[in-house]
C-alpha atoms as a PDB file:
ATOM      1  CA  MET A   1     103.738  99.741  95.900  1.00  0.00           C
ATOM      2  CA  VAL A   2     100.221  97.532  95.276  1.00  0.00           C
ATOM      3  CA  PRO A   3      99.489  95.962  98.352  1.00  0.00           C
ATOM      4  CA  THR A   4     100.506  92.098  98.518  1.00  0.00           C
ATOM      5  CA  GLY A   5      96.876  89.833  96.961  1.00  0.00           C
ATOM      6  CA  GLN A   6      95.904  92.680  94.449  1.00  0.00           C
ATOM      7  CA  THR A   7      96.837  92.328  90.631  1.00  0.00           C
ATOM      8  CA  MET A   8      98.137  95.791  89.779  1.00  0.00           C
ATOM      9  CA  ALA A   9      94.222  96.454  87.425  1.00  0.00           C
ATOM     10  CA  GLU A  10      92.132  95.686  90.696  1.00  0.00           C
ATOM     11  CA  TYR A  11      94.318  98.601  92.120  1.00  0.00           C
ATOM     12  CA  TRP A  12      94.507 100.543  89.636  1.00  0.00           C
ATOM     13  CA  ALA A  13      90.076 100.178  89.189  1.00  0.00           C
ATOM     14  CA  ASP A  14      89.790 100.671  92.463  1.00  0.00           C
ATOM     15  CA  ALA A  15      92.217 103.282  93.238  1.00  0.00           C
ATOM     16  CA  MET A  16      92.090 107.003  93.819  1.00  0.00           C
ATOM     17  CA  VAL A  17      93.459 110.182  91.387  1.00  0.00           C
ATOM     18  CA  ASP A  18      96.414 110.636  93.381  1.00  0.00           C
ATOM     19  CA  ASP A  19      97.262 106.605  94.476  1.00  0.00           C
ATOM     20  CA  ARG A  20      97.141 106.593  90.803  1.00  0.00           C
ATOM     21  CA  ARG A  21      99.804 108.902  89.737  1.00  0.00           C
ATOM     22  CA  GLU A  22     101.820 108.318  93.156  1.00  0.00           C
ATOM     23  CA  LEU A  23     102.150 104.657  91.282  1.00  0.00           C
ATOM     24  CA  LEU A  24     102.800 105.966  87.884  1.00  0.00           C
ATOM     25  CA  ALA A  25     105.686 108.288  89.045  1.00  0.00           C
ATOM     26  CA  GLN A  26     107.732 105.430  91.148  1.00  0.00           C
ATOM     27  CA  ALA A  27     106.745 102.962  88.507  1.00  0.00           C
ATOM     28  CA  PHE A  28     108.575 105.689  85.064  1.00  0.00           C
ATOM     29  CA  GLU A  29     111.433 108.105  85.749  1.00  0.00           C
ATOM     30  CA  GLU A  30     109.353 109.980  82.544  1.00  0.00           C
ATOM     31  CA  LEU A  31     106.359 109.510  80.742  1.00  0.00           C
ATOM     32  CA  THR A  32     105.587 111.508  77.675  1.00  0.00           C
ATOM     33  CA  VAL A  33     101.603 111.654  76.009  1.00  0.00           C
ATOM     34  CA  LEU A  34     102.822 112.526  72.786  1.00  0.00           C
ATOM     35  CA  PRO A  35     100.088 115.049  70.580  1.00  0.00           C
ATOM     36  CA  GLY A  36      96.194 113.422  69.138  1.00  0.00           C
ATOM     37  CA  LYS A  37      96.182 113.106  65.438  1.00  0.00           C
ATOM     38  CA  LYS A  38      92.725 113.707  64.086  1.00  0.00           C
ATOM     39  CA  GLY A  39      90.374 111.213  63.809  1.00  0.00           C
ATOM     40  CA  PRO A  40      88.562 108.495  65.901  1.00  0.00           C
ATOM     41  CA  LYS A  41      89.101 109.111  68.803  1.00  0.00           C
ATOM     42  CA  GLY A  42      90.228 106.772  71.840  1.00  0.00           C
ATOM     43  CA  PHE A  43      93.669 105.757  73.674  1.00  0.00           C
ATOM     44  CA  ASP A  44      96.529 104.732  70.852  1.00  0.00           C
ATOM     45  CA  PRO A  45      99.430 103.699  72.943  1.00  0.00           C
ATOM     46  CA  ALA A  46     101.529 104.504  70.532  1.00  0.00           C
ATOM     47  CA  ARG A  47     101.363 107.980  71.357  1.00  0.00           C
ATOM     48  CA  LEU A  48     103.932 106.983  74.983  1.00  0.00           C
ATOM     49  CA  ARG A  49     107.031 107.497  75.211  1.00  0.00           C
ATOM     50  CA  ARG A  50     108.339 106.139  78.662  1.00  0.00           C
ATOM     51  CA  ARG A  51     111.761 105.715  80.668  1.00  0.00           C
ATOM     52  CA  TRP A  52     110.965 102.743  83.181  1.00  0.00           C
ATOM     53  CA  ALA A  53     112.660 104.157  86.847  1.00  0.00           C
ATOM     54  CA  GLN A  54     114.694 101.930  86.997  1.00  0.00           C
ATOM     55  CA  GLU A  55     116.523 102.087  83.395  1.00  0.00           C
ATOM     56  CA  ALA A  56     120.343 103.155  84.268  1.00  0.00           C
ATOM     57  CA  ASP A  57     120.852 104.382  80.474  1.00  0.00           C
ATOM     58  CA  ALA A  58     118.725 108.211  80.833  1.00  0.00           C
ATOM     59  CA  GLY A  59     118.584 107.906  76.952  1.00  0.00           C
ATOM     60  CA  ALA A  60     116.614 104.293  76.535  1.00  0.00           C
ATOM     61  CA  GLU A  61     113.143 104.303  75.682  1.00  0.00           C
ATOM     62  CA  GLY A  62     111.511 102.136  77.440  1.00  0.00           C
ATOM     63  CA  SER A  63     110.712  98.870  74.396  1.00  0.00           C
ATOM     64  CA  ASP A  64     107.731  96.645  77.452  1.00  0.00           C
ATOM     65  CA  GLN A  65     104.097  97.044  76.518  1.00  0.00           C
ATOM     66  CA  LEU A  66     102.330  99.006  78.530  1.00  0.00           C
ATOM     67  CA  THR A  67      98.609  98.237  79.265  1.00  0.00           C
ATOM     68  CA  LEU A  68      96.405 100.089  80.855  1.00  0.00           C
ATOM     69  CA  LEU A  69      93.357  99.301  82.234  1.00  0.00           C
END
């Protein structure tokens, strides 16, 4: 959980790696990063497959966009 009065982005920016992992573990049932493609380097959100922790259908793929800052 993110402390009251702090946005998710603010918490993420100041969090230690273990705290970030815990936050991701709470938010997602499953988070997979697909293989990259040749070419320019950088983050491609299309490579993420996620299942939010609160989803009832285990086969459902998250339709909400994920933004990492």
